[in-house]
Every structure is written in structure tokens, then in C-alpha cells.
Protein backbone atom coordinates (compact mmCIF):
# COMPACT_ATOMS: atom_id res chain seq x y z
CA MET A 1 1.04 -122.62 20.02
CA THR A 2 3.03 -121.43 17.02
CA ALA A 3 4.12 -117.80 17.19
CA ALA A 4 2.61 -115.53 14.58
CA ALA A 5 4.82 -114.56 11.66
CA PRO A 6 6.11 -110.96 11.65
CA ALA A 7 3.57 -108.58 10.14
CA ALA A 8 4.21 -107.17 6.67
CA LEU A 9 4.82 -103.45 6.33
CA THR A 10 1.92 -101.10 5.75
CA THR A 11 2.03 -98.38 3.08
CA GLU A 12 2.52 -95.79 5.81
CA GLN A 13 5.45 -97.74 7.26
CA ILE A 14 7.05 -98.11 3.82
CA GLY A 15 6.80 -94.35 3.41
CA PHE A 16 8.43 -93.89 6.82
CA LEU A 17 11.39 -96.03 5.74
CA ALA A 18 11.68 -94.36 2.34
CA ARG A 19 11.82 -90.88 3.87
CA ALA A 20 14.67 -91.91 6.16
CA VAL A 21 16.64 -93.47 3.30
CA SER A 22 16.06 -90.43 1.09
CA ARG A 23 17.87 -88.21 3.61
CA ALA A 24 21.14 -90.15 3.48
CA PRO A 25 24.27 -88.40 2.15
CA SER A 26 25.62 -89.46 -1.24
CA VAL A 27 28.40 -88.64 -3.67
CA HIS A 28 27.46 -85.38 -5.46
CA ASN A 29 24.00 -85.86 -3.90
CA SER A 30 23.35 -88.45 -6.63
CA GLN A 31 21.13 -90.60 -4.35
CA PRO A 32 22.20 -93.89 -6.02
CA TRP A 33 19.70 -96.16 -4.28
CA GLN A 34 16.22 -97.60 -4.59
CA LEU A 35 14.03 -99.83 -2.44
CA ARG A 36 12.12 -103.01 -3.18
CA VAL A 37 9.69 -104.26 -0.55
CA ARG A 38 8.82 -107.96 -0.41
CA GLY A 39 6.58 -108.58 2.58
CA THR A 40 8.94 -108.36 5.55
CA GLU A 41 12.07 -108.03 3.41
CA VAL A 42 13.38 -104.75 2.05
CA ASP A 43 16.06 -104.80 -0.64
CA LEU A 44 18.35 -101.81 -0.97
CA LEU A 45 19.09 -101.60 -4.68
CA MET A 46 21.76 -99.77 -6.66
CA ARG A 47 20.10 -97.13 -8.84
CA HIS A 48 21.83 -97.28 -12.19
CA GLY A 49 22.31 -94.42 -14.60
CA VAL A 50 23.96 -92.16 -12.01
CA GLU A 51 27.57 -93.24 -12.41
CA LEU A 52 30.25 -90.55 -11.95
CA ARG A 53 33.08 -91.80 -14.10
CA ARG A 54 35.62 -89.09 -13.17
CA GLN A 55 34.73 -88.56 -9.53
CA ASP A 56 34.09 -92.23 -8.75
CA PRO A 57 35.64 -94.43 -11.47
CA PHE A 58 35.52 -97.64 -9.42
CA GLY A 59 32.11 -97.14 -7.81
CA ARG A 60 33.46 -96.98 -4.25
CA ASP A 61 31.63 -93.75 -3.46
CA ARG A 62 28.33 -95.19 -4.67
CA LEU A 63 28.75 -98.09 -2.26
CA LEU A 64 29.72 -95.70 0.55
CA SER A 65 26.53 -93.78 -0.24
CA CYS A 66 24.44 -96.94 -0.20
CA GLY A 67 26.04 -97.89 3.13
CA ALA A 68 24.88 -94.57 4.57
CA ALA A 69 21.37 -95.23 3.22
CA LEU A 70 21.46 -98.70 4.78
CA THR A 71 22.20 -97.16 8.19
CA ASP A 72 19.17 -94.87 7.82
CA LEU A 73 17.01 -97.82 6.74
CA GLU A 74 17.99 -99.93 9.74
CA LEU A 75 17.49 -97.05 12.18
CA ALA A 76 14.03 -96.36 10.72
CA VAL A 77 13.01 -100.02 11.04
CA ARG A 78 14.12 -100.08 14.67
CA THR A 79 12.35 -96.79 15.37
CA LEU A 80 9.15 -98.41 14.08
CA GLY A 81 9.57 -100.81 16.98
CA ARG A 82 10.65 -103.80 14.90
CA ASP A 83 13.70 -106.01 15.13
CA CYS A 84 15.68 -106.54 11.92
CA HIS A 85 18.58 -108.43 10.37
CA VAL A 86 20.87 -106.83 7.78
CA GLU A 87 22.59 -108.94 5.13
CA TYR A 88 25.08 -107.55 2.63
CA ARG A 89 24.52 -108.96 -0.85
CA ASP A 90 27.20 -109.70 -3.44
CA ASP A 91 24.88 -108.82 -6.30
CA GLU A 92 25.21 -106.26 -9.08
CA ASP A 93 21.80 -104.79 -8.32
CA VAL A 94 20.97 -105.72 -4.71
CA VAL A 95 23.28 -104.03 -2.22
CA ALA A 96 21.72 -105.41 0.96
CA THR A 97 18.55 -106.98 2.31
CA VAL A 98 16.94 -105.96 5.59
CA THR A 99 14.68 -108.66 7.04
CA ILE A 100 12.14 -107.19 9.43
CA GLY A 101 11.28 -109.22 12.51
CA ARG A 102 8.88 -109.06 15.41
CA PRO A 103 8.12 -106.07 17.61
CA HIS A 104 11.11 -104.90 19.63
CA PRO A 105 11.53 -101.50 21.31
CA ALA A 106 14.23 -99.27 19.85
CA SER A 107 17.22 -98.48 22.03
CA ALA A 108 17.64 -94.91 23.22
CA ARG A 109 20.77 -94.64 21.06
CA ASP A 110 19.05 -95.81 17.87
CA PHE A 111 16.13 -93.51 18.58
CA ALA A 112 18.48 -90.53 18.99
CA LEU A 113 20.38 -91.34 15.79
CA TYR A 114 17.15 -91.74 13.83
CA HIS A 115 16.01 -88.28 14.91
CA ALA A 116 19.35 -86.87 13.75
CA ILE A 117 18.70 -88.06 10.16
CA ALA A 118 16.53 -85.09 9.22
CA ARG A 119 18.95 -82.61 10.84
CA ARG A 120 22.14 -83.92 9.20
CA ARG A 121 23.68 -81.54 6.66
CA SER A 122 26.66 -81.56 4.29
CA HIS A 123 28.48 -78.49 5.54
CA ARG A 124 31.17 -77.71 2.97
CA ARG A 125 32.01 -74.30 4.40
CA ALA A 126 34.43 -73.28 7.13
CA PHE A 127 33.51 -74.17 10.70
CA PHE A 128 33.17 -71.89 13.69
CA HIS A 129 36.66 -71.30 15.09
CA SER A 130 36.31 -73.52 18.13
CA ARG A 131 37.74 -76.98 18.60
CA VAL A 132 35.31 -79.71 19.54
CA PRO A 133 35.97 -80.89 23.14
CA GLU A 134 38.04 -84.04 23.43
CA GLY A 135 35.26 -86.05 25.08
CA VAL A 136 32.87 -85.25 22.22
CA ARG A 137 35.53 -86.09 19.60
CA THR A 138 36.12 -89.44 21.30
CA ALA A 139 32.40 -90.25 21.32
CA VAL A 140 32.01 -89.32 17.65
CA ALA A 141 34.96 -91.48 16.58
CA ALA A 142 33.82 -94.42 18.70
CA ALA A 143 30.31 -94.36 17.21
CA GLY A 144 31.34 -96.19 14.06
CA GLU A 145 34.07 -98.53 15.26
CA THR A 146 33.21 -102.09 14.33
CA THR A 147 34.89 -105.30 13.21
CA GLY A 148 36.95 -104.60 10.10
CA VAL A 149 36.32 -100.83 10.14
CA HIS A 150 38.45 -98.29 12.02
CA VAL A 151 37.85 -94.59 12.64
CA VAL A 152 40.98 -92.65 13.52
CA GLU A 153 42.10 -89.06 13.98
CA PRO A 154 44.96 -88.51 11.51
CA GLY A 155 48.42 -87.54 12.67
CA ARG A 156 51.20 -86.01 10.56
CA LEU A 157 49.07 -83.13 9.32
CA ASP A 158 52.07 -81.81 7.42
CA LYS A 159 52.02 -84.94 5.26
CA LEU A 160 48.23 -84.82 4.92
CA ALA A 161 48.47 -81.19 3.78
CA GLU A 162 51.11 -82.10 1.22
CA LEU A 163 48.95 -84.90 -0.20
CA LEU A 164 45.71 -82.89 -0.23
CA GLY A 165 47.41 -79.91 -1.82
CA PHE A 166 48.78 -82.11 -4.60
CA ALA A 167 45.36 -83.71 -5.15
CA THR A 168 43.66 -80.33 -5.30
CA ARG A 169 46.01 -79.11 -8.02
CA VAL A 170 45.46 -82.29 -10.04
CA LEU A 171 41.66 -82.12 -9.79
CA ARG A 172 41.62 -78.39 -10.51
CA ASP A 173 43.33 -79.03 -13.84
CA ASP A 174 41.36 -82.17 -14.77
CA ARG A 175 38.95 -81.00 -17.47
CA GLY A 176 36.91 -84.20 -17.43
CA TYR A 177 36.42 -83.97 -13.67
CA GLN A 178 35.47 -80.30 -13.99
CA ARG A 179 32.87 -81.00 -16.71
CA GLU A 180 31.30 -83.75 -14.63
CA LEU A 181 31.25 -81.57 -11.51
CA GLU A 182 29.53 -78.81 -13.46
CA LEU A 183 26.80 -81.24 -14.52
CA TRP A 184 26.20 -82.20 -10.88
CA THR A 185 26.21 -78.69 -9.47
CA ALA A 186 22.56 -77.81 -9.02
CA HIS A 187 21.24 -74.26 -8.82
CA THR A 188 18.45 -74.76 -6.32
CA HIS A 189 18.25 -75.72 -2.69
CA GLY A 190 15.89 -75.52 0.22
CA TRP A 191 13.41 -77.47 2.24
CA ASN A 192 11.09 -78.27 -0.66
CA ALA A 193 13.56 -78.60 -3.57
CA ILE A 194 13.16 -81.70 -5.72
CA GLY A 195 16.05 -83.27 -7.59
CA ASP A 196 19.68 -84.24 -7.13
CA GLY A 197 23.10 -82.62 -7.43
CA VAL A 198 25.05 -80.22 -5.22
CA PRO A 199 23.48 -76.79 -4.65
CA GLU A 200 25.68 -74.03 -6.04
CA ASP A 201 25.48 -71.94 -2.89
CA ALA A 202 26.54 -74.89 -0.75
CA LEU A 203 30.04 -74.47 -2.17
CA SER A 204 32.49 -71.95 -0.81
CA PRO A 205 36.16 -71.08 -1.36
CA GLU A 206 36.53 -70.34 2.36
CA ALA A 207 36.60 -74.01 3.33
CA LEU A 208 39.43 -76.48 2.90
CA PRO A 209 40.21 -76.76 -0.82
CA VAL A 210 38.89 -80.28 -1.17
CA ALA A 211 36.01 -79.82 1.28
CA GLY A 212 34.00 -77.64 -1.07
CA LEU A 213 34.71 -79.79 -4.14
CA VAL A 214 37.59 -78.70 -6.34
CA ARG A 215 36.81 -76.25 -9.13
CA THR A 216 39.02 -74.46 -11.62
CA ALA A 217 39.15 -71.34 -9.42
CA THR A 218 39.70 -73.19 -6.13
CA PRO A 219 42.63 -71.54 -4.32
CA VAL A 220 45.43 -73.83 -3.13
CA PRO A 221 47.38 -72.53 -0.12
CA ASP A 222 50.94 -73.69 0.37
CA ASP A 223 51.51 -76.81 2.44
CA VAL A 224 52.38 -74.96 5.66
CA VAL A 225 49.23 -72.81 5.53
CA LEU A 226 47.08 -75.82 4.64
CA ALA A 227 48.56 -77.84 7.54
CA GLY A 228 47.58 -75.01 9.86
CA ARG A 229 44.04 -75.02 8.53
CA LEU A 230 43.86 -78.78 8.94
CA ALA A 231 44.99 -78.43 12.56
CA ALA A 232 42.06 -76.08 13.20
CA GLU A 233 39.58 -78.70 11.97
CA ASN A 234 38.35 -81.96 13.45
CA LEU A 235 39.21 -84.80 11.08
CA LEU A 236 38.56 -88.54 11.03
CA VAL A 237 39.70 -91.15 8.53
CA VAL A 238 37.50 -94.22 7.96
CA CYS A 239 39.66 -97.26 7.15
CA THR A 240 38.88 -100.90 6.41
CA ASP A 241 41.01 -104.02 6.84
CA THR A 242 40.59 -104.97 3.18
CA ASP A 243 39.20 -103.31 0.06
CA THR A 244 36.22 -105.36 -1.12
CA ARG A 245 32.69 -104.37 -2.09
CA ALA A 246 31.54 -105.35 1.42
CA ASP A 247 34.26 -103.14 2.92
CA HIS A 248 33.09 -100.13 0.92
CA LEU A 249 29.51 -100.72 2.07
CA ALA A 250 30.60 -101.20 5.70
CA ALA A 251 32.63 -97.99 5.54
CA GLY A 252 29.49 -96.13 4.44
CA VAL A 253 27.48 -97.66 7.28
CA THR A 254 30.17 -96.56 9.75
CA LEU A 255 30.52 -93.10 8.25
CA GLN A 256 26.79 -92.42 8.61
CA ARG A 257 26.70 -93.58 12.23
CA VAL A 258 29.63 -91.27 12.96
CA TRP A 259 27.93 -88.39 11.13
CA LEU A 260 24.59 -88.88 12.87
CA THR A 261 26.34 -89.04 16.24
CA ALA A 262 28.01 -85.73 15.43
CA THR A 263 24.65 -84.30 14.34
CA ALA A 264 23.03 -85.40 17.60
CA LYS A 265 25.72 -83.37 19.38
CA ALA A 266 24.88 -80.19 17.39
CA LEU A 267 27.82 -80.62 15.00
CA VAL A 268 27.90 -80.54 11.20
CA GLY A 269 30.26 -82.22 8.76
CA SER A 270 31.22 -83.11 5.22
CA VAL A 271 33.06 -85.95 3.54
CA ILE A 272 36.22 -85.86 1.42
CA THR A 273 36.68 -88.73 -1.05
CA GLN A 274 37.75 -87.08 -4.31
CA PRO A 275 41.54 -87.32 -3.71
CA LEU A 276 41.27 -91.00 -2.73
CA HIS A 277 40.47 -91.91 -6.34
CA LEU A 278 43.77 -90.58 -7.70
CA THR A 279 46.25 -93.30 -8.61
CA GLY A 280 48.44 -94.22 -5.65
CA PHE A 281 46.86 -91.66 -3.30
CA ARG A 282 45.36 -94.12 -0.82
CA ALA A 283 48.58 -96.11 -0.54
CA ARG A 284 50.56 -92.92 0.12
CA LEU A 285 47.98 -91.72 2.64
CA ALA A 286 48.02 -95.03 4.53
CA SER A 287 51.82 -95.07 4.57
CA GLU A 288 52.49 -91.43 5.47
CA LEU A 289 49.84 -91.33 8.21
CA ALA A 290 50.44 -94.91 9.48
CA LEU A 291 46.76 -95.73 9.11
CA PRO A 292 45.38 -99.05 10.42
CA GLY A 293 43.94 -100.11 7.06
CA VAL A 294 42.78 -98.92 3.64
CA PRO A 295 41.43 -95.34 3.77
CA GLN A 296 37.91 -95.05 2.34
CA ALA A 297 36.85 -91.52 3.35
CA ILE A 298 37.91 -88.48 5.34
CA PHE A 299 35.26 -86.88 7.56
CA ARG A 300 35.61 -83.26 8.68
CA TYR A 301 33.26 -81.88 11.31
CA GLY A 302 32.78 -79.03 13.71
CA TYR A 303 30.39 -76.35 14.89
CA PRO A 304 28.67 -74.48 12.02
CA ALA A 305 29.70 -70.88 11.42
CA VAL A 306 26.54 -70.41 9.32
CA PRO A 307 23.47 -72.64 8.89
CA ALA A 308 23.54 -75.17 6.06
CA ALA A 309 20.38 -75.72 4.02
CA PRO A 310 19.28 -79.27 3.16
CA SER A 311 20.21 -80.57 -0.28
CA PRO A 312 17.42 -81.28 -2.79
CA ARG A 313 15.95 -84.76 -2.81
CA LEU A 314 14.31 -86.91 -5.46
CA ALA A 315 10.59 -87.60 -5.13
CA LEU A 316 9.96 -90.71 -3.02
CA ASP A 317 8.16 -92.47 -5.87
CA GLU A 318 11.47 -92.57 -7.76
CA MET A 319 12.91 -94.81 -5.06
CA PHE A 320 10.74 -97.74 -6.14
CA PRO A 321 11.79 -99.33 -9.46
CA GLU A 322 8.64 -101.44 -9.69
CA GLY A 323 6.37 -98.40 -9.62
CA PRO A 324 4.94 -96.05 -7.02
CA THR A 325 4.01 -97.58 -3.68
CA GLY A 326 0.81 -96.08 -2.40
CA GLY A 327 1.44 -92.69 -3.99
CA LEU A 328 4.33 -91.86 -1.65
CA ARG A 329 5.30 -88.22 -1.32
């Protein structure tokens, strides 16, 4: 007897997947993704018209963001009790395709990471003054390690402070960057907010200079003070063996698995990528810190000193370029 073909997704299941994807982190909360459902195949598409030419001139951050969304999509499929296969696509519009298979129970790990999606926050403020235990830090770093992608705790914090301090001063004086950041700084937040952009009250001068996004009034401590502040944080650098489109996507997939693992352990975090777009910065960072590859993002995490509200999100219907799917909300 021939086995039945995998069942197509129902409208309710499509909504389940879309809600998970919508909660992924993205550069400036731009949410640069859409979904296209074709029976048992789901395409993750690049949503055009949201390019950030000063923050992300080469589109790396958009691919990192789509990689994070791809992690959420895969976890949601597995939580539905379905097997799936993920294929990266070398296409201008299609980032990846997830082919949904037959029923298969989700692992306890995938189930736990899926339930962390709704609790994950971008915490751009200072952390509670308590170092994360070594065993927890090891587990968080190991969560994303995969072929071609490496997650490492940076050494030589004096050199990192020197580089980040320089980058902060450059970005603070970059008028084009500042104009673009102003456009993407939203003025609303909360559980029911609709839209994109970074909530104004999510930013704070108390955090690391680059953690809260660099503005014209962002203070820049000297290198010694900044190195001390870095030492009080928990930092990870996500590196890839090479620097292709697939590497950028894989780095985003890894970053989200690391972040969700941290979330499941009652931690919060935020991502630093702005300095990595400055000419020569990544090469200097890799050299000075003896990194095992090309740095794609810096992840800072810890225990929250104050709660972080969720960022606004676009309406789910906007995630489907071919029109609303069942009136999703």
C-alpha cells in the first residue's frame, strides 16, 4: 500500500506558523520577511522596500533577520507535530523553503525553544549586576554551534572596547545614519502595538554605547571604562567560516537558537551589528580577538534589571504578498 502524501496546512496551522515568524527579531524591528504557502511547502520571502542603506548597506542584517525568522518557522512546524526539511535558496526573493513532511513528535528541546519565542525580548538596557553562571553560559553558547558557524566568548576585552568606542564615535557623527535611525525609532510599544521600528522607550543611555543604538547624544566612555563595562556583561560573537549569503542566513539561524535558549533560561539579550558595517571593522575584530571566522553579530545577554516590553509587530496579513490568508490576525 502506498503511504499517504503529507497533509496540506490548514488556515489555522498557517496562522500558527505566521505568528511564530512574526515574533522573530530583526534589524531596527523592520520585519523584512513574508511567507508564501504552497501546499506542504512554505517559502520564506524577502520583503522589499525596507532596506536600511546606512545601517545595513550590504543587506547582511536583513539576511540575519530572515535567518532568525527561519528558526521560528521551523520550530513552529515541529511543534505542530510535523517533520520538515529546510533548504536555503540562492534567489533574490526566496530566502528559504521549508518542506513539511509527515507527522513526527517534536523533541522536548524544540518544544521548549518554541515556547520561548513569545517571551524573547530585545533588551537594550543595562543588565542586573550579576554574572550568568558558567554552566548556563556554556549551554547558551553551545545552542547554536553548527557546521560552518561558531559561537565564542570574546577575549581581549581591551581591544574590543577600543574598537567599539571608535565605532560609536563614528556612528554618532554620521548624519545619514542618524537620519535613518530617527525614521526607524517608533514612539509606541506594548502588547497590542501594530507596526515596525524601535520603540523610543526601549533605548537607554545606561547600556553599552552600541547596545542601545548610537545617537548623537550617546555618551562614549574612555576605553578603560568601556572595557570594565564589557567585562561585567556576557558576550558572544557569532562567526562563520566564509562570508556568503548562505553564511549570513545561517548566522541568523544560529543567533536565534542561542537567543531562545537564553530566553528559556530566564535571560534577556540584544544584538550588536552596527559597528560591523564600518569599513575594515570586521577584519580588525577578527584579528584583534583571534576569532575563528568572519564575525557576523555580537550577542549580549544577562538577567534583566527591568522588564522589557515587546516591540510592535506588523499585522499578520501583511506577511502574505499574495493577499490575506483566511483573514489572519
